[in-house]
C-alpha atoms as a PDB file:
ATOM      1  CA  UNK A   1      39.400 -59.783 196.891  1.00  0.00           C
ATOM      2  CA  UNK A   2      42.919 -60.289 195.588  1.00  0.00           C
ATOM      3  CA  UNK A   3      45.944 -58.967 197.426  1.00  0.00           C
ATOM      4  CA  UNK A   4      47.443 -55.788 196.003  1.00  0.00           C
ATOM      5  CA  UNK A   5      50.522 -56.489 193.935  1.00  0.00           C
ATOM      6  CA  UNK A   6      53.415 -54.143 194.619  1.00  0.00           C
ATOM      7  CA  UNK A   7      56.193 -54.128 192.111  1.00  0.00           C
ATOM      8  CA  UNK A   8      59.438 -52.638 193.339  1.00  0.00           C
ATOM      9  CA  UNK A   9      61.663 -50.966 190.773  1.00  0.00           C
ATOM     10  CA  UNK A  10      64.675 -52.854 189.545  1.00  0.00           C
ATOM     11  CA  UNK A  11      68.149 -51.430 190.199  1.00  0.00           C
ATOM     12  CA  UNK A  12      68.304 -50.361 186.539  1.00  0.00           C
ATOM     13  CA  UNK A  13      65.032 -48.470 186.844  1.00  0.00           C
ATOM     14  CA  UNK A  14      66.199 -46.753 190.041  1.00  0.00           C
ATOM     15  CA  UNK A  15      69.443 -45.745 188.323  1.00  0.00           C
ATOM     16  CA  UNK A  16      67.514 -44.389 185.316  1.00  0.00           C
ATOM     17  CA  UNK A  17      65.267 -42.301 187.582  1.00  0.00           C
ATOM     18  CA  UNK A  18      68.281 -40.936 189.508  1.00  0.00           C
ATOM     19  CA  UNK A  19      70.090 -40.036 186.284  1.00  0.00           C
ATOM     20  CA  UNK A  20      67.007 -38.285 184.925  1.00  0.00           C
ATOM     21  CA  UNK A  21      66.712 -36.313 188.165  1.00  0.00           C
ATOM     22  CA  UNK A  22      70.385 -35.289 187.958  1.00  0.00           C
ATOM     23  CA  UNK A  23      69.972 -34.179 184.353  1.00  0.00           C
ATOM     24  CA  UNK A  24      66.865 -32.160 185.215  1.00  0.00           C
ATOM     25  CA  UNK A  25      68.624 -30.527 188.174  1.00  0.00           C
ATOM     26  CA  UNK A  26      71.682 -29.660 186.048  1.00  0.00           C
ATOM     27  CA  UNK A  27      69.449 -28.196 183.340  1.00  0.00           C
ATOM     28  CA  UNK A  28      67.634 -26.053 185.917  1.00  0.00           C
ATOM     29  CA  UNK A  29      70.937 -24.757 187.339  1.00  0.00           C
ATOM     30  CA  UNK A  30      72.110 -23.957 183.804  1.00  0.00           C
ATOM     31  CA  UNK A  31      68.897 -22.043 183.150  1.00  0.00           C
ATOM     32  CA  UNK A  32      69.170 -20.109 186.421  1.00  0.00           C
ATOM     33  CA  UNK A  33      72.806 -19.193 185.747  1.00  0.00           C
ATOM     34  CA  UNK A  34      71.909 -18.029 182.243  1.00  0.00           C
ATOM     35  CA  UNK A  35      69.150 -15.785 183.583  1.00  0.00           C
ATOM     36  CA  UNK A  36      71.438 -14.417 186.317  1.00  0.00           C
ATOM     37  CA  UNK A  37      74.204 -13.710 183.794  1.00  0.00           C
ATOM     38  CA  UNK A  38      71.779 -11.811 181.574  1.00  0.00           C
ATOM     39  CA  UNK A  39      70.601  -9.704 184.511  1.00  0.00           C
ATOM     40  CA  UNK A  40      74.179  -8.911 185.588  1.00  0.00           C
ATOM     41  CA  UNK A  41      75.493  -8.184 182.100  1.00  0.00           C
ATOM     42  CA  UNK A  42      74.168  -4.634 181.762  1.00  0.00           C
ATOM     43  CA  UNK A  43      75.235  -3.304 185.208  1.00  0.00           C
ATOM     44  CA  UNK A  44      78.692  -4.853 184.895  1.00  0.00           C
ATOM     45  CA  UNK A  45      79.159  -3.432 181.397  1.00  0.00           C
ATOM     46  CA  UNK A  46      77.983  -0.007 182.600  1.00  0.00           C
ATOM     47  CA  UNK A  47      80.397  -0.043 185.563  1.00  0.00           C
ATOM     48  CA  UNK A  48      83.293  -1.166 183.367  1.00  0.00           C
ATOM     49  CA  UNK A  49      82.544   1.575 180.847  1.00  0.00           C
ATOM     50  CA  UNK A  50      82.394   4.230 183.573  1.00  0.00           C
ATOM     51  CA  UNK A  51      85.683   3.001 185.055  1.00  0.00           C
ATOM     52  CA  UNK A  52      87.338   3.024 181.636  1.00  0.00           C
ATOM     53  CA  UNK A  53      86.135   6.584 180.982  1.00  0.00           C
ATOM     54  CA  UNK A  54      87.503   7.738 184.327  1.00  0.00           C
ATOM     55  CA  UNK A  55      90.832   6.026 183.655  1.00  0.00           C
ATOM     56  CA  UNK A  56      91.122   7.505 180.140  1.00  0.00           C
ATOM     57  CA  UNK A  57      90.316  10.992 181.458  1.00  0.00           C
ATOM     58  CA  UNK A  58      92.879  10.734 184.277  1.00  0.00           C
ATOM     59  CA  UNK A  59      95.673   9.530 181.978  1.00  0.00           C
ATOM     60  CA  UNK A  60      94.886  11.601 178.903  1.00  0.00           C
ATOM     61  CA  UNK A  61      97.728  13.750 177.615  1.00  0.00           C
ATOM     62  CA  UNK A  62      97.487  17.407 178.525  1.00  0.00           C
ATOM     63  CA  UNK A  63      96.212  19.508 175.626  1.00  0.00           C
ATOM     64  CA  UNK A  64      98.031  22.765 175.099  1.00  0.00           C
ATOM     65  CA  UNK A  65      96.539  25.592 173.096  1.00  0.00           C
ATOM     66  CA  UNK A  66      98.276  26.374 169.861  1.00  0.00           C
END
């Protein structure tokens, strides 16, 4: 029975694995932020539209009958 050979990764291999993990993590955060932005887009747009309507109504010139 031969002894089991364990090969430890070289510093370059460790660095490559760490960089790949960082890239994957950054990509996942980008994806999550994109999904969150899409979900928030409609409510924010609706609130902004409602606020703009209220502002326009409050500052509209007074109409006088002719």
